[in-house]
Protein backbone atom coordinates (compact mmCIF):
# COMPACT_ATOMS: atom_id res chain seq x y z
CA MET A 1 137.85 -44.67 -14.88
CA SER A 2 136.78 -42.33 -17.49
CA HIS A 3 134.75 -43.30 -20.63
CA GLN A 4 137.70 -42.85 -22.90
CA GLN A 5 139.85 -44.95 -20.55
CA LYS A 6 137.25 -47.86 -20.54
CA LEU A 7 137.05 -47.74 -24.29
CA LYS A 8 140.79 -47.88 -24.56
CA VAL A 9 141.12 -51.00 -22.53
CA ARG A 10 138.13 -52.57 -24.11
CA ASN A 11 139.18 -52.24 -27.73
CA ARG A 12 142.70 -53.41 -27.30
CA ARG A 13 142.54 -56.58 -29.31
CA THR A 14 144.94 -56.33 -32.38
CA TYR A 15 147.93 -58.66 -32.40
CA VAL A 16 150.79 -59.31 -34.77
CA GLN A 17 153.90 -61.43 -35.06
CA ASP A 18 157.24 -59.45 -34.64
CA THR A 19 159.45 -59.34 -37.65
CA PRO A 20 162.72 -60.39 -35.89
CA GLY A 21 162.77 -63.58 -34.14
CA ALA A 22 159.21 -64.18 -33.52
CA GLY A 23 159.78 -67.73 -32.36
CA ALA A 24 158.43 -71.05 -33.23
CA ASP A 25 155.34 -70.87 -31.08
CA GLY A 26 154.14 -67.77 -33.07
CA ALA A 27 154.08 -65.59 -29.91
CA ARG A 28 151.62 -62.74 -30.59
CA HIS A 29 152.24 -58.87 -29.72
CA ARG A 30 150.11 -55.84 -30.37
CA VAL A 31 151.02 -53.51 -33.12
CA SER A 32 152.43 -50.39 -31.11
CA ALA A 33 155.41 -48.29 -30.73
CA ARG A 34 156.40 -46.80 -27.50
CA PRO A 35 156.91 -43.09 -27.36
CA HIS A 36 160.70 -43.35 -26.75
CA GLN A 37 161.19 -45.65 -29.80
CA THR A 38 161.90 -44.30 -33.18
CA SER A 39 159.75 -46.93 -34.86
CA ALA A 40 158.97 -50.52 -34.80
CA GLU A 41 158.75 -52.94 -37.66
CA ARG A 42 155.87 -55.39 -37.41
CA LYS A 43 154.48 -58.33 -39.55
CA ILE A 44 150.57 -59.04 -39.49
CA VAL A 45 149.40 -62.22 -40.89
CA ALA A 46 146.61 -62.17 -43.40
CA GLY A 47 143.10 -61.80 -41.99
CA ARG A 48 144.04 -59.88 -38.74
CA ASP A 49 143.30 -56.25 -38.05
CA LEU A 50 146.06 -53.73 -37.57
CA PHE A 51 143.61 -51.78 -35.58
CA ARG A 52 139.71 -51.38 -35.21
CA ALA A 53 137.36 -48.55 -35.09
CA GLY A 54 136.78 -47.28 -31.71
CA GLU A 55 140.45 -47.98 -30.62
CA ILE A 56 142.67 -45.18 -29.29
CA GLY A 57 145.03 -44.20 -32.07
CA GLU A 58 148.63 -44.21 -30.64
CA ALA A 59 150.80 -44.70 -33.77
CA ILE A 60 150.84 -44.35 -37.53
CA TYR A 61 151.44 -47.39 -39.75
CA CYS A 62 153.77 -47.16 -42.73
CA PHE A 63 153.33 -49.75 -45.18
CA VAL A 64 156.34 -51.70 -46.42
CA GLU A 65 154.79 -54.78 -47.78
CA GLY A 66 151.38 -56.32 -48.53
CA TRP A 67 147.81 -55.19 -48.96
CA ALA A 68 145.11 -54.11 -46.42
CA ALA A 69 141.48 -53.00 -46.55
CA LEU A 70 140.37 -50.02 -44.67
CA TYR A 71 136.73 -50.91 -43.76
CA ASN A 72 133.50 -50.11 -41.55
CA VAL A 73 131.07 -52.58 -40.54
CA LEU A 74 127.29 -51.71 -40.06
CA GLU A 75 125.33 -53.00 -37.12
CA ASP A 76 123.72 -55.72 -39.48
CA GLY A 77 127.13 -56.96 -40.54
CA ARG A 78 127.19 -55.24 -43.85
CA LYS A 79 130.65 -54.26 -44.76
CA GLN A 80 132.04 -51.13 -46.78
CA ILE A 81 135.70 -51.13 -47.88
CA LEU A 82 136.73 -47.45 -47.84
CA GLN A 83 140.16 -47.76 -49.50
CA PHE A 84 142.95 -50.47 -50.18
CA ALA A 85 146.29 -49.89 -48.63
CA TYR A 86 149.62 -51.13 -50.02
CA PRO A 87 153.35 -50.10 -49.87
CA GLY A 88 153.57 -46.42 -49.48
CA ALA A 89 150.38 -46.14 -47.63
CA VAL A 90 150.33 -44.14 -44.23
CA LEU A 91 147.43 -44.92 -41.81
CA ALA A 92 145.91 -44.19 -38.54
CA PHE A 93 147.13 -40.71 -38.27
CA SER A 94 145.28 -38.62 -35.83
CA PRO A 95 145.87 -34.81 -35.27
CA GLU A 96 145.12 -35.19 -31.57
CA ARG A 97 146.58 -37.33 -28.89
CA GLY A 98 144.24 -40.03 -27.84
CA GLY A 99 142.01 -39.76 -30.88
CA VAL A 100 139.69 -42.51 -31.65
CA MET A 101 139.95 -44.41 -34.93
CA ASP A 102 136.87 -44.21 -36.96
CA TYR A 103 137.70 -46.96 -39.33
CA SER A 104 139.24 -50.41 -39.11
CA ALA A 105 142.38 -51.94 -41.08
CA GLN A 106 142.59 -55.56 -41.96
CA ALA A 107 145.57 -57.37 -43.57
CA ILE A 108 144.46 -58.93 -47.02
CA THR A 109 148.01 -60.52 -47.40
CA ASP A 110 150.72 -60.82 -44.91
CA VAL A 111 151.66 -57.41 -44.31
CA LYS A 112 154.84 -55.64 -43.04
CA VAL A 113 154.55 -52.25 -41.54
CA ARG A 114 156.62 -49.56 -39.81
CA VAL A 115 155.05 -48.33 -36.67
CA THR A 116 155.75 -44.87 -35.23
CA SER A 117 154.02 -43.52 -32.16
CA HIS A 118 152.28 -40.10 -32.46
CA GLU A 119 154.49 -38.72 -29.76
CA ARG A 120 157.51 -39.63 -31.81
CA LEU A 121 156.18 -38.47 -34.97
CA PHE A 122 155.20 -35.04 -33.45
CA ASP A 123 158.80 -34.81 -32.21
CA LEU A 124 159.97 -35.42 -35.76
CA TYR A 125 158.02 -32.87 -37.63
CA ARG A 126 158.74 -30.18 -34.92
CA GLY A 127 162.32 -30.81 -35.89
CA ASN A 128 161.72 -31.16 -39.71
CA PRO A 129 158.61 -29.16 -40.76
CA GLU A 130 158.99 -31.01 -44.21
CA ILE A 131 157.59 -33.96 -42.46
CA GLY A 132 154.49 -31.96 -41.60
CA LEU A 133 154.15 -30.70 -45.06
CA GLU A 134 154.33 -34.28 -46.58
CA LEU A 135 151.82 -35.68 -44.00
CA ALA A 136 149.25 -32.77 -45.17
CA ARG A 137 149.83 -33.78 -48.78
CA THR A 138 149.20 -37.44 -48.02
CA ILE A 139 145.96 -36.44 -46.19
CA ALA A 140 144.96 -34.36 -48.95
CA ARG A 141 145.36 -37.13 -51.57
CA ASP A 142 143.39 -39.51 -49.30
CA ARG A 143 140.57 -36.86 -49.11
CA SER A 144 140.55 -36.61 -52.78
CA LEU A 145 140.22 -40.42 -53.25
CA ALA A 146 137.52 -40.43 -50.64
CA PHE A 147 135.52 -37.92 -52.53
CA ASP A 148 135.97 -39.98 -55.65
CA HIS A 149 134.84 -43.00 -54.24
CA LEU A 150 131.72 -41.23 -52.89
CA VAL A 151 130.96 -39.98 -56.47
CA GLY A 152 131.65 -43.66 -57.79
CA ILE A 153 129.15 -45.29 -55.31
CA GLY A 154 126.64 -42.43 -55.76
CA ARG A 155 126.68 -41.91 -59.38
CA ARG A 156 128.75 -44.42 -61.61
CA SER A 157 127.18 -47.43 -63.09
CA ALA A 158 128.31 -50.85 -62.13
CA ARG A 159 130.66 -51.11 -65.12
CA GLU A 160 132.35 -47.56 -64.45
CA ARG A 161 132.77 -48.44 -60.75
CA ILE A 162 134.49 -51.76 -61.50
CA ALA A 163 136.63 -50.33 -64.47
CA HIS A 164 137.34 -47.43 -62.17
CA LEU A 165 138.50 -49.40 -59.21
CA LEU A 166 140.75 -51.62 -61.26
CA LEU A 167 142.46 -48.66 -62.98
CA GLU A 168 142.90 -47.06 -59.63
CA LEU A 169 144.52 -50.19 -58.12
CA PHE A 170 146.83 -50.42 -61.06
CA ILE A 171 148.16 -46.95 -61.01
CA ARG A 172 148.38 -46.79 -57.19
CA SER A 173 150.22 -49.93 -56.58
CA ARG A 174 152.54 -49.66 -59.72
CA MET A 175 152.97 -45.82 -59.38
CA ARG A 176 152.53 -45.19 -62.87
CA TRP A 177 150.00 -44.71 -65.63
CA PRO A 178 149.44 -47.99 -67.70
CA GLY A 179 151.14 -48.39 -71.04
CA HIS A 180 149.81 -48.87 -74.44
CA HIS A 181 150.13 -52.57 -74.44
CA SER A 182 148.58 -55.18 -72.19
CA GLU A 183 149.52 -55.02 -68.35
CA GLU A 184 149.50 -57.63 -65.60
CA LEU A 185 149.20 -57.18 -62.07
CA CYS A 186 149.00 -59.57 -59.09
CA LEU A 187 145.87 -58.42 -57.33
CA PRO A 188 145.18 -60.25 -53.94
CA LEU A 189 141.40 -59.46 -53.99
CA THR A 190 138.29 -61.55 -54.35
CA GLN A 191 135.11 -60.54 -55.89
CA GLU A 192 133.82 -60.23 -52.49
CA HIS A 193 136.38 -57.46 -51.84
CA ILE A 194 135.49 -55.75 -55.08
CA GLY A 195 131.95 -55.72 -54.12
CA ASP A 196 132.46 -54.32 -50.57
CA ALA A 197 134.58 -51.59 -52.23
CA THR A 198 132.15 -50.65 -54.96
CA GLY A 199 128.96 -51.18 -53.06
CA LEU A 200 127.81 -53.90 -55.59
CA THR A 201 126.37 -57.51 -54.93
CA GLY A 202 128.41 -60.47 -55.81
CA VAL A 203 125.97 -60.81 -58.96
CA HIS A 204 126.79 -57.40 -60.24
CA VAL A 205 130.53 -57.57 -59.82
CA ASN A 206 130.79 -61.05 -61.63
CA ARG A 207 128.64 -59.65 -64.54
CA ALA A 208 130.48 -56.36 -64.99
CA LEU A 209 133.83 -58.35 -64.91
CA ARG A 210 132.59 -60.91 -67.48
CA ALA A 211 131.29 -57.90 -69.68
CA LEU A 212 134.81 -56.15 -69.42
CA GLY A 213 136.39 -59.45 -70.33
CA LYS A 214 134.17 -60.18 -73.28
CA GLU A 215 134.84 -56.57 -74.64
CA GLY A 216 138.62 -57.18 -74.53
CA ILE A 217 139.43 -54.75 -71.86
CA VAL A 218 140.48 -56.71 -68.86
CA GLU A 219 140.82 -60.20 -67.38
CA PHE A 220 140.55 -61.01 -63.80
CA HIS A 221 141.30 -64.80 -62.87
CA TYR A 222 142.85 -66.28 -59.64
CA ARG A 223 143.75 -63.02 -58.17
CA ARG A 224 145.75 -61.72 -61.20
CA LEU A 225 144.69 -58.69 -63.12
CA ARG A 226 145.46 -58.45 -66.96
CA ILE A 227 144.62 -55.30 -68.55
CA LEU A 228 144.27 -55.96 -72.16
CA ASN A 229 143.36 -52.56 -73.47
CA PRO A 230 144.43 -49.72 -71.27
CA ASP A 231 142.84 -47.01 -73.31
CA GLN A 232 139.50 -48.66 -73.33
CA LEU A 233 139.85 -49.16 -69.73
CA VAL A 234 140.42 -45.37 -69.05
CA ASP A 235 137.40 -44.72 -71.13
CA ALA A 236 135.23 -47.32 -69.28
CA ALA A 237 136.17 -45.69 -66.03
CA GLY A 238 135.32 -42.20 -67.22
CA ILE A 239 138.47 -40.68 -65.25
CA ASP A 240 140.03 -37.65 -65.94
CA PRO A 241 143.90 -38.55 -66.39
CA GLN A 242 144.87 -35.60 -64.59
CA VAL A 243 142.97 -36.80 -61.40
CA ALA A 244 144.31 -40.21 -61.88
CA GLN A 245 147.90 -38.89 -62.00
CA SER A 246 147.31 -37.45 -58.60
CA TRP A 247 146.92 -40.95 -57.25
CA ILE A 248 150.45 -41.65 -57.60
CA ASN A 249 152.28 -41.57 -54.36
CA ASP A 250 156.15 -41.22 -54.26
CA ASN A 251 156.45 -42.60 -50.66
CA ARG A 252 158.15 -39.32 -49.66
CA LEU A 253 156.64 -39.13 -46.09
CA ILE A 254 157.79 -42.71 -45.35
CA LYS A 255 161.35 -41.92 -46.59
CA LEU A 256 161.36 -38.76 -44.46
CA ILE A 257 160.18 -40.52 -41.21
CA ALA A 258 162.70 -43.41 -41.81
CA GLY A 259 165.65 -40.78 -42.38
CA GLU A 260 164.70 -38.63 -39.62
CA ALA A 261 164.25 -41.58 -37.20
CA GLY A 262 167.74 -42.89 -37.96
CA ASP A 263 166.60 -46.15 -39.44
CA PRO A 264 169.82 -48.02 -40.11
CA SER A 265 168.38 -49.73 -43.21
CA ASN A 266 166.74 -46.39 -44.59
CA VAL A 267 165.18 -48.49 -47.27
CA VAL A 268 161.61 -49.15 -48.17
CA ARG A 269 161.06 -52.13 -50.34
CA LEU A 270 158.33 -52.56 -52.97
CA ASP A 271 157.15 -55.59 -54.99
CA GLY A 272 157.44 -54.94 -58.72
CA LEU A 273 155.22 -56.42 -61.31
CA CYS A 274 157.72 -59.29 -61.96
CA GLY A 275 157.85 -60.18 -58.37
CA CYS A 276 161.26 -58.66 -57.63
CA SER A 277 161.79 -56.17 -54.75
CA VAL A 278 162.35 -52.75 -55.99
CA PRO A 279 164.42 -50.45 -53.45
CA VAL A 280 163.14 -47.10 -52.92
CA ILE A 281 166.18 -45.00 -51.52
CA SER A 282 165.30 -42.65 -48.67
CA ARG A 283 167.14 -39.53 -47.48
CA PRO A 284 169.69 -38.12 -48.38
CA GLN A 285 169.49 -39.45 -51.91
CA ARG A 286 165.72 -38.93 -52.11
CA ALA A 287 165.42 -40.82 -55.32
CA ALA A 288 163.19 -43.55 -56.54
CA VAL A 289 164.83 -46.54 -58.24
CA MET A 290 162.08 -48.27 -60.16
CA CYS A 291 162.02 -51.65 -61.37
CA GLN A 292 163.28 -52.09 -65.02
CA CYS A 293 161.88 -55.55 -65.63
């Protein structure tokens, strides 16, 4: 057995619960989609990994519901969150068959994903080059975010890192720029998550959040974020509005994959601020219907 085959066998440890008819016993199944399948919808309970660093990447994961953290862990146990994923995110793409994952993904909340094998994905974008272009666009956006996070950890102050992260999470999860009045967002993160994402200790995270609260900029309590003064938050984050606009993801890649794969529902659902489910219509309409609450 080759080294790659051994690695593949050793690292297969990710389990999930099937979406339809999971059964009372909570039988567990790996997140996977066989090459002949168009896609498979799966649920992953909070706290479980979708995949781990070192595993062989066999499929992409299109986020439909929930939040996850992409992370790496050092040998001494220190953890760095690389990015947060929520509806619209596409994870685990590898340009080569049998590529090894270089990061892990863990569900923060219960997560629903659509899993499409790489073999099936390659077939899809051979038949529709638009899928390949959208995939390249998604990868370019993720690269830009990674560069921005590197600048943040390397050069921004604790206050700037926290403000920047909160603004990014709002824009990317709500798919719009904050308005001129106060905004509220369910943010299923702890201060530990924020610390792991910004490279700050719990003490620094708590201190920065309290300072932003005293200045009347944001409030973060019981996993709910309230932006009191959007303009001051933008100033505190020190972000170029043009860069922030590029964070907005229109879910076009997911819609294209769902349409080309012949998904009968052909609909991706997002959770709006109000808690309602917001339908995003996929092909052929190719139009996003935003929550009006």
